[in-house]
Protein backbone atom coordinates (compact mmCIF):
# COMPACT_ATOMS: atom_id res chain seq x y z
CA MET A 1 0.00 0.00 0.00
CA LEU A 2 1.19 3.45 -0.86
CA ASP A 3 1.80 6.31 1.55
CA ASP A 4 2.14 8.99 -1.15
CA GLN A 5 0.49 12.29 -0.40
CA PRO A 6 -2.96 12.36 -2.06
CA PRO A 7 -4.05 15.25 -4.26
CA LYS A 8 -6.03 17.89 -2.41
CA ILE A 9 -9.75 17.29 -2.89
CA ASN A 10 -11.60 20.43 -3.92
CA SER A 11 -14.88 18.94 -5.11
CA PHE A 12 -17.25 16.00 -4.67
CA SER A 13 -19.46 14.05 -7.03
CA PRO A 14 -23.14 13.96 -5.95
CA GLU A 15 -22.73 10.23 -5.22
CA VAL A 16 -19.69 10.65 -2.96
CA LEU A 17 -21.24 13.66 -1.21
CA ALA A 18 -24.31 11.55 -0.43
CA ASP A 19 -22.07 8.86 1.05
CA LEU A 20 -20.13 11.44 3.04
CA LEU A 21 -23.32 12.83 4.58
CA SER A 22 -25.04 9.42 4.93
CA VAL A 23 -28.05 10.49 2.90
CA PRO A 24 -29.64 8.97 -0.23
CA LYS A 25 -28.35 10.27 -3.54
CA ARG A 26 -31.85 11.60 -4.28
CA THR A 27 -31.49 13.99 -1.31
CA ILE A 28 -28.46 15.60 -2.96
CA GLU A 29 -30.28 15.64 -6.30
CA ALA A 30 -33.21 17.43 -4.66
CA ARG A 31 -30.87 20.05 -3.21
CA ILE A 32 -29.36 20.55 -6.66
CA LYS A 33 -32.82 20.96 -8.15
CA LYS A 34 -33.66 23.62 -5.54
CA GLY A 35 -30.43 25.46 -6.31
CA GLU A 36 -28.98 24.84 -2.84
CA LEU A 37 -26.06 23.01 -4.44
CA LYS A 38 -24.64 23.98 -7.83
CA PRO A 39 -22.56 21.38 -9.68
CA ASP A 40 -19.99 22.49 -12.24
CA PRO A 41 -21.79 22.40 -15.63
CA GLU A 42 -18.85 20.61 -17.29
CA THR A 43 -17.74 18.08 -14.65
CA GLY A 44 -20.94 17.70 -12.59
CA LEU A 45 -18.84 18.05 -9.43
CA ILE A 46 -19.87 20.09 -6.39
CA SER A 47 -17.12 22.41 -5.13
CA LYS A 48 -15.96 21.94 -1.55
CA CYS A 49 -16.62 25.60 -0.74
CA GLN A 50 -20.37 24.90 -0.99
CA VAL A 51 -20.25 22.30 1.80
CA LYS A 52 -17.22 23.40 3.83
CA HIS A 53 -19.44 24.23 6.82
CA LEU A 54 -20.63 20.63 7.23
CA GLU A 55 -19.20 18.67 10.16
CA GLU A 56 -18.12 15.72 8.00
CA VAL A 57 -16.18 17.96 5.61
CA ILE A 58 -14.59 19.90 8.47
CA SER A 59 -13.42 16.67 10.13
CA MET A 60 -11.69 15.59 6.90
CA GLU A 61 -10.11 19.04 6.46
CA GLN A 62 -8.72 18.83 10.00
CA SER A 63 -7.54 15.23 9.63
CA THR A 64 -4.55 14.12 11.71
CA TRP A 65 -4.26 10.86 9.75
CA ASP A 66 -0.68 11.51 8.57
CA THR A 67 0.45 12.38 12.09
CA ASP A 68 -1.26 9.29 13.51
CA LEU A 69 0.58 7.11 10.99
CA GLN A 70 3.81 8.04 12.78
CA VAL A 71 2.59 6.60 16.11
CA LYS A 72 4.98 3.92 17.37
CA CYS A 73 4.31 1.54 20.26
CA LYS A 74 6.60 2.28 23.22
CA ARG A 75 6.98 -1.48 23.70
CA ASP A 76 5.50 -4.69 22.24
CA TYR A 77 1.86 -4.43 23.31
CA THR A 78 0.28 -7.88 23.52
CA LEU A 79 -2.97 -8.65 21.70
CA VAL A 80 -5.48 -11.47 22.19
CA GLU A 81 -8.13 -11.73 19.51
CA LEU A 82 -11.37 -13.71 19.68
CA PHE A 83 -13.59 -14.57 16.68
CA ALA A 84 -10.57 -13.78 14.50
CA GLY A 85 -12.14 -14.80 11.18
CA GLY A 86 -10.00 -14.25 8.10
CA GLY A 87 -7.73 -11.76 9.84
CA GLY A 88 -8.96 -8.25 8.98
CA LEU A 89 -8.94 -6.94 12.54
CA ALA A 90 -5.75 -8.75 13.57
CA LEU A 91 -3.91 -7.58 10.46
CA GLY A 92 -4.93 -3.97 11.08
CA MET A 93 -3.77 -4.25 14.68
CA GLU A 94 -0.46 -5.68 13.46
CA GLN A 95 -0.03 -2.73 11.09
CA ALA A 96 -0.54 -0.44 14.11
CA GLY A 97 2.32 -2.22 15.91
CA LEU A 98 0.44 -4.56 18.26
CA GLU A 99 1.74 -8.12 18.74
CA SER A 100 -0.78 -10.97 18.44
CA ILE A 101 -0.03 -13.66 21.02
CA PHE A 102 -3.29 -15.66 20.83
CA LEU A 103 -6.04 -15.81 18.18
CA ASN A 104 -9.15 -17.95 18.54
CA GLU A 105 -11.40 -18.88 15.62
CA MET A 106 -13.82 -21.76 15.10
CA ASP A 107 -13.98 -21.81 11.28
CA LYS A 108 -11.34 -24.22 9.95
CA HIS A 109 -10.92 -22.38 6.64
CA ALA A 110 -10.33 -19.04 8.39
CA CYS A 111 -7.77 -20.72 10.66
CA LYS A 112 -5.96 -22.04 7.59
CA THR A 113 -5.91 -18.51 6.19
CA LEU A 114 -4.42 -17.11 9.41
CA ARG A 115 -1.77 -19.83 9.64
CA HIS A 116 -0.92 -19.60 5.93
CA ASN A 117 -0.27 -15.86 6.08
CA ARG A 118 1.22 -15.66 9.58
CA PRO A 119 2.87 -18.98 10.52
CA ASP A 120 4.22 -17.35 13.70
CA TRP A 121 0.77 -16.41 15.02
CA ASN A 122 -0.60 -18.61 17.79
CA VAL A 123 -3.89 -19.60 16.13
CA VAL A 124 -6.08 -21.71 18.42
CA GLU A 125 -8.85 -23.41 16.47
CA GLY A 126 -12.07 -24.40 18.23
CA ASP A 127 -15.23 -23.42 20.08
CA ILE A 128 -14.51 -20.44 22.34
CA SER A 129 -16.54 -22.02 25.16
CA LYS A 130 -13.99 -24.85 25.29
CA ILE A 131 -10.84 -22.69 25.15
CA ASP A 132 -8.52 -22.68 28.16
CA PHE A 133 -7.30 -19.08 28.49
CA SER A 134 -5.16 -19.96 31.50
CA VAL A 135 -2.44 -21.04 29.05
CA ILE A 136 -1.82 -17.33 28.36
CA LYS A 137 0.86 -16.43 30.90
CA GLN A 138 1.71 -12.95 29.60
CA ASP A 139 -0.03 -9.79 30.69
CA VAL A 140 -2.56 -8.87 28.01
CA ASP A 141 -2.60 -5.25 26.89
CA VAL A 142 -5.44 -5.47 24.37
CA LEU A 143 -8.27 -7.94 23.77
CA THR A 144 -10.32 -7.60 20.58
CA GLY A 145 -13.14 -9.47 18.91
CA GLY A 146 -16.42 -9.25 17.09
CA PHE A 147 -19.02 -11.30 18.94
CA PRO A 148 -22.29 -12.18 17.13
CA CYS A 149 -25.34 -10.17 18.22
CA GLN A 150 -27.68 -12.52 20.11
CA ALA A 151 -30.72 -12.03 22.34
CA PHE A 152 -30.05 -12.34 26.07
CA SER A 153 -32.21 -13.57 28.91
CA TYR A 154 -33.88 -10.88 31.01
CA ALA A 155 -34.99 -13.33 33.67
CA GLY A 156 -32.22 -12.41 36.09
CA LYS A 157 -32.36 -9.41 38.39
CA SER A 158 -28.76 -8.25 38.08
CA LEU A 159 -28.78 -7.73 34.30
CA GLY A 160 -25.15 -8.73 34.49
CA LEU A 161 -22.88 -11.50 33.25
CA ASP A 162 -25.22 -14.36 34.24
CA ASP A 163 -28.00 -12.94 32.06
CA THR A 164 -25.83 -13.50 28.98
CA ARG A 165 -25.17 -17.22 29.54
CA GLY A 166 -25.38 -19.35 26.44
CA THR A 167 -24.28 -16.54 24.11
CA LEU A 168 -20.92 -15.86 22.49
CA PHE A 169 -20.82 -12.47 24.20
CA TYR A 170 -20.81 -14.36 27.52
CA GLU A 171 -17.72 -16.27 26.38
CA MET A 172 -15.95 -13.06 25.38
CA ALA A 173 -16.88 -11.44 28.71
CA LYS A 174 -15.51 -14.48 30.57
CA ALA A 175 -12.22 -14.15 28.67
CA ILE A 176 -12.03 -10.46 29.63
CA LYS A 177 -12.71 -11.37 33.26
CA GLU A 178 -9.94 -13.96 33.27
CA LEU A 179 -7.29 -12.12 31.23
CA GLN A 180 -7.93 -8.61 32.61
CA PRO A 181 -6.61 -6.75 29.56
CA LYS A 182 -5.79 -3.07 30.00
CA VAL A 183 -8.26 -2.25 27.24
CA PHE A 184 -10.65 -4.21 25.04
CA LEU A 185 -12.23 -3.42 21.70
CA ALA A 186 -15.39 -5.20 20.56
CA GLU A 187 -16.99 -4.65 17.17
CA ASN A 188 -20.49 -5.50 16.05
CA VAL A 189 -23.25 -4.60 13.63
CA ARG A 190 -24.90 -1.19 13.91
CA ALA A 191 -28.20 -2.93 14.71
CA LEU A 192 -26.88 -3.82 18.18
CA LEU A 193 -27.70 -0.23 19.20
CA THR A 194 -31.42 -0.93 18.89
CA HIS A 195 -31.45 -4.73 19.34
CA GLU A 196 -34.33 -5.77 21.65
CA ASN A 197 -35.22 -2.07 22.03
CA GLY A 198 -31.80 -1.32 23.45
CA GLU A 199 -32.00 -3.96 26.19
CA THR A 200 -29.14 -6.02 24.72
CA LEU A 201 -26.70 -3.10 24.72
CA ALA A 202 -27.84 -2.07 28.22
CA ILE A 203 -26.94 -5.53 29.56
CA ILE A 204 -23.60 -5.44 27.73
CA LYS A 205 -22.79 -2.11 29.40
CA ASN A 206 -23.77 -3.53 32.80
CA VAL A 207 -21.58 -6.58 32.27
CA PHE A 208 -18.51 -4.49 31.47
CA GLU A 209 -19.17 -2.36 34.55
CA GLU A 210 -19.44 -5.57 36.61
CA LEU A 211 -16.12 -6.77 35.17
CA GLY A 212 -14.39 -3.58 36.27
CA TYR A 213 -14.22 -1.62 33.02
CA VAL A 214 -15.19 1.91 32.03
CA LEU A 215 -16.93 1.83 28.66
CA GLU A 216 -16.38 4.65 26.19
CA GLU A 217 -19.63 5.83 24.66
CA PRO A 218 -20.27 3.27 21.86
CA ARG A 219 -19.69 4.73 18.42
CA VAL A 220 -20.72 3.69 14.90
CA LEU A 221 -17.72 4.10 12.60
CA LYS A 222 -18.20 4.41 8.85
CA ALA A 223 -15.44 2.66 6.91
CA ILE A 224 -15.46 5.30 4.14
CA PHE A 225 -13.90 7.77 6.62
CA TYR A 226 -10.90 5.48 7.22
CA LYS A 227 -9.41 5.01 3.76
CA VAL A 228 -11.75 2.13 2.88
CA PRO A 229 -13.64 2.15 -0.46
CA GLN A 230 -16.80 0.70 1.08
CA LYS A 231 -19.96 1.99 2.79
CA ARG A 232 -19.60 -0.38 5.72
CA GLU A 233 -20.64 0.61 9.24
CA ARG A 234 -19.58 -1.11 12.46
CA LEU A 235 -20.46 -0.44 16.08
CA ILE A 236 -17.28 -0.17 18.15
CA LEU A 237 -17.15 -0.69 21.92
CA VAL A 238 -13.99 0.27 23.80
CA GLY A 239 -13.55 -0.52 27.49
CA VAL A 240 -10.73 0.60 29.80
CA ARG A 241 -9.85 -1.17 33.03
CA LYS A 242 -10.98 1.02 35.93
CA ASP A 243 -7.56 1.25 37.58
CA LEU A 244 -6.23 2.84 34.38
CA ALA A 245 -9.23 4.94 33.38
CA THR A 246 -7.90 8.15 34.92
CA SER A 247 -4.30 7.78 33.73
CA ALA A 248 -5.00 8.01 29.99
CA LYS A 249 -7.64 9.20 27.56
CA PHE A 250 -8.78 7.13 24.60
CA SER A 251 -9.19 9.12 21.39
CA TRP A 252 -11.19 7.85 18.42
CA PRO A 253 -9.29 7.71 15.12
CA SER A 254 -9.21 10.74 12.87
CA PRO A 255 -10.89 10.41 9.46
CA TYR A 256 -8.82 10.28 6.28
CA LYS A 257 -8.64 13.30 3.98
CA ARG A 258 -10.90 11.98 1.24
CA ILE A 259 -13.37 9.25 0.32
CA MET A 260 -12.04 6.23 -1.60
CA THR A 261 -14.01 4.74 -4.51
CA LEU A 262 -13.97 1.46 -6.41
CA LYS A 263 -11.58 3.07 -8.87
CA ASP A 264 -9.11 3.48 -6.00
CA ALA A 265 -9.61 -0.19 -5.11
CA PHE A 266 -9.21 -1.62 -8.60
CA GLU A 267 -6.68 0.70 -10.27
CA LYS A 268 -3.07 1.63 -9.48
CA GLY A 269 -2.97 4.65 -7.19
CA GLU A 270 -3.19 5.74 -3.60
CA LEU A 271 -4.44 2.45 -2.14
CA PHE A 272 -2.54 -0.11 -4.24
CA ASP A 273 0.56 0.05 -6.41
CA SER A 274 -0.90 -2.01 -9.27
CA LYS A 275 -4.16 -2.80 -11.02
CA VAL A 276 -6.17 -5.58 -9.39
CA GLU A 277 -5.31 -9.00 -10.82
CA GLU A 278 -7.87 -11.39 -12.23
CA SER A 279 -8.85 -14.05 -9.70
CA PRO A 280 -11.44 -16.80 -9.13
CA GLY A 281 -15.02 -15.70 -8.66
CA GLN A 282 -18.65 -16.70 -8.90
CA GLU A 283 -20.43 -16.49 -12.25
CA TYR A 284 -23.97 -15.67 -13.30
CA PRO A 285 -26.29 -18.14 -15.05
CA GLN A 286 -26.73 -17.10 -18.69
CA ARG A 287 -30.19 -15.51 -18.40
CA LYS A 288 -29.26 -13.55 -15.28
CA LYS A 289 -26.14 -12.31 -17.07
CA GLU A 290 -28.27 -11.11 -19.99
CA ILE A 291 -30.55 -9.16 -17.64
CA MET A 292 -27.73 -7.74 -15.49
CA ALA A 293 -26.03 -6.48 -18.66
CA GLN A 294 -28.91 -4.00 -19.00
CA VAL A 295 -28.26 -2.40 -15.58
CA PRO A 296 -26.11 0.78 -15.77
CA PRO A 297 -23.22 1.48 -13.36
CA GLY A 298 -24.67 2.52 -10.00
CA GLY A 299 -28.10 1.25 -11.08
CA TYR A 300 -30.43 -1.49 -9.90
CA TRP A 301 -33.59 -3.35 -10.94
CA ARG A 302 -35.69 -0.20 -11.41
CA ASP A 303 -33.33 0.82 -14.22
CA LEU A 304 -34.42 -2.21 -16.25
CA LYS A 305 -37.24 -2.18 -18.80
CA PRO A 306 -40.62 -3.04 -17.17
CA GLU A 307 -40.78 -6.53 -18.68
CA LEU A 308 -37.27 -7.34 -17.41
CA GLN A 309 -38.12 -5.93 -13.99
CA LYS A 310 -41.02 -8.36 -13.70
CA GLU A 311 -39.00 -11.29 -15.00
CA TYR A 312 -36.12 -10.67 -12.61
CA MET A 313 -38.08 -9.70 -9.52
CA LYS A 314 -40.85 -12.28 -9.91
CA GLY A 315 -43.22 -12.07 -6.89
CA SER A 316 -41.09 -9.38 -5.24
CA TYR A 317 -42.08 -6.97 -8.02
CA PHE A 318 -45.51 -6.50 -6.44
CA LEU A 319 -44.28 -6.07 -2.88
CA GLY A 320 -43.48 -2.76 -1.19
CA GLY A 321 -40.06 -1.38 -0.32
CA GLY A 322 -37.24 -0.17 -2.51
CA LYS A 323 -35.28 -3.46 -2.59
CA THR A 324 -32.31 -1.38 -3.73
CA GLY A 325 -29.86 -4.27 -3.38
CA MET A 326 -31.52 -6.34 -6.09
CA ALA A 327 -29.92 -6.42 -9.55
CA ARG A 328 -27.44 -3.86 -8.21
CA ARG A 329 -24.41 -2.88 -10.25
CA LEU A 330 -21.68 -0.95 -8.48
CA SER A 331 -20.05 2.23 -9.79
CA MET A 332 -16.35 2.95 -10.22
CA ASN A 333 -16.95 6.52 -8.99
CA GLU A 334 -18.47 5.50 -5.64
CA PRO A 335 -17.42 3.37 -2.69
CA SER A 336 -18.77 -0.16 -2.81
CA LEU A 337 -21.92 -1.10 -0.97
CA THR A 338 -21.23 -3.16 2.16
CA LEU A 339 -19.84 -6.53 1.11
CA THR A 340 -21.79 -9.61 2.13
CA THR A 341 -20.64 -13.23 2.38
CA SER A 342 -21.55 -13.75 -1.30
CA PRO A 343 -21.48 -11.23 -4.18
CA ALA A 344 -24.31 -12.88 -6.10
CA GLN A 345 -27.13 -13.12 -3.55
CA LYS A 346 -30.30 -11.85 -5.16
CA GLN A 347 -31.20 -9.49 -2.30
CA THR A 348 -27.70 -8.02 -2.03
CA GLU A 349 -26.24 -8.12 -5.55
CA ARG A 350 -22.68 -6.88 -5.97
CA CYS A 351 -22.13 -6.78 -9.74
CA HIS A 352 -18.85 -5.48 -11.17
CA PRO A 353 -19.23 -1.85 -12.32
CA VAL A 354 -18.02 -2.46 -15.89
CA GLU A 355 -18.07 -6.21 -16.59
CA THR A 356 -21.25 -8.22 -16.15
CA ARG A 357 -20.21 -10.63 -13.41
CA PRO A 358 -20.03 -10.81 -9.61
CA LEU A 359 -16.98 -9.33 -7.91
CA GLN A 360 -14.00 -11.69 -7.82
CA ILE A 361 -12.03 -12.73 -4.73
CA ARG A 362 -9.16 -10.23 -5.11
CA GLU A 363 -11.63 -7.44 -5.86
CA TYR A 364 -13.57 -8.36 -2.73
CA ALA A 365 -10.33 -8.36 -0.73
CA ARG A 366 -9.23 -4.97 -2.05
CA ILE A 367 -12.57 -3.41 -1.12
CA GLN A 368 -11.85 -4.62 2.44
CA THR A 369 -8.28 -3.18 2.03
CA PHE A 370 -6.55 -6.52 2.50
CA PRO A 371 -3.08 -6.36 0.91
CA ASP A 372 -2.68 -8.36 -2.29
CA ASN A 373 -0.25 -10.77 -0.60
CA TRP A 374 -2.87 -11.85 1.97
CA GLU A 375 -4.04 -15.19 0.54
CA PHE A 376 -7.34 -16.75 1.58
CA GLN A 377 -7.71 -20.50 2.02
CA GLY A 378 -10.63 -22.88 1.51
CA SER A 379 -13.32 -23.14 -1.15
CA LEU A 380 -14.54 -20.14 -3.13
CA THR A 381 -17.58 -19.93 -0.85
CA ALA A 382 -15.35 -20.06 2.26
CA GLN A 383 -13.10 -17.30 0.91
CA TYR A 384 -16.01 -14.96 0.11
CA LYS A 385 -17.36 -15.60 3.62
CA GLN A 386 -14.04 -14.75 5.30
CA ILE A 387 -13.67 -11.52 3.34
CA GLY A 388 -17.31 -10.47 3.64
CA ASN A 389 -17.32 -10.90 7.42
CA ALA A 390 -14.01 -9.11 8.00
CA VAL A 391 -13.34 -5.75 9.58
CA PRO A 392 -11.75 -3.58 6.85
CA VAL A 393 -8.00 -3.65 7.44
CA ASN A 394 -7.44 0.11 7.10
CA MET A 395 -10.20 0.88 9.59
CA ALA A 396 -8.79 -1.75 11.99
CA ALA A 397 -5.33 -0.17 11.66
CA ALA A 398 -6.76 3.28 12.46
CA LEU A 399 -8.38 1.84 15.59
CA GLY A 400 -5.12 0.06 16.42
CA ARG A 401 -3.20 3.34 16.30
CA SER A 402 -5.75 4.87 18.68
CA LEU A 403 -5.19 1.95 21.07
CA ALA A 404 -1.41 2.32 20.72
CA LYS A 405 -1.62 6.03 21.57
CA PHE A 406 -3.73 5.20 24.60
CA LEU A 407 -1.30 2.51 25.81
CA ASN A 408 1.65 4.87 25.22
CA GLN A 409 0.00 7.35 27.59
CA ILE A 410 -0.31 4.64 30.24
CA GLU A 411 3.37 3.72 29.78
CA SER A 412 4.31 7.35 30.34
């Protein structure tokens, strides 16, 4: 990956501006129609001076990304990772200077990927509920992991650890209790904020308090702000051990200076030093390929002729809702939609912006900012799953640098 200084961004396309502000493209189009925004008549781009007052634009203008890249760990901070998957979070933490001493993952293909790329990592394969964490003799500085979002029992009165029994969060909480890391970072889907009307997150907060940790206010991070060409959002929970909570202050990572698009992912430039190589990938059946060929870049099923809409959508055609993921072709000039565990699922189509086919493995990996030398193991289906479930590496590295800064303060 390249560290060259990017060109200064002085304008935004309507699509990228919509992503930046987390609004539908039609909202920007409506503002253009009202004259509130005035694109350049030749390029169609909206000058930065028209939106410079917006918080998102200000945060990018004031970015400390380049300074944060210079952060060095004052010593080898130890990292334990749970639910490690295909390595996105662990690799980002490694790039930030943290040292993985123990990684647990149940999926055998993901474990093969981790071992193949990092033979020196201590990858422990198996069900987390059966893992013996007492074998870890070192002090643990950081514990990370993305536990699945599951409903908890509300039968108990304490709304603490016991109420989460039988869930994978319970297993992660037990590991935190046993290992007593200085700080932990847990990532999850945005929906956890409102899961069970907020009851799930309330119990999680209570559990961390019970375990002796001060929880930072949970924050939803958008990958597009962290040099990732993808509209992915993840809920991040950071907890600091109470005895250290007053000796250092955790700071969330600064956004990057511009938004990356699929062009940045697939072409030589700021993210990668070569064009993406051809790689294995799923293929469309012939008739689906013929229909998808009619969808323009950035378009979806409503851009098809009425007869093709009905043929493709079948019974869904008569149901309500936008169903914007169906027959969806990506655009080179926008970040990718959030990757799923398969690029050719009918509800969440991820068609290549120019060629009529699903995204290939290396394209998938680049959108998640995995380096080209990170090789995935297992079947095609297993590889898509590992990549689709991963934390984007660049976002993980930004979080890792924030953790390193925090730990450096403690060391001081």
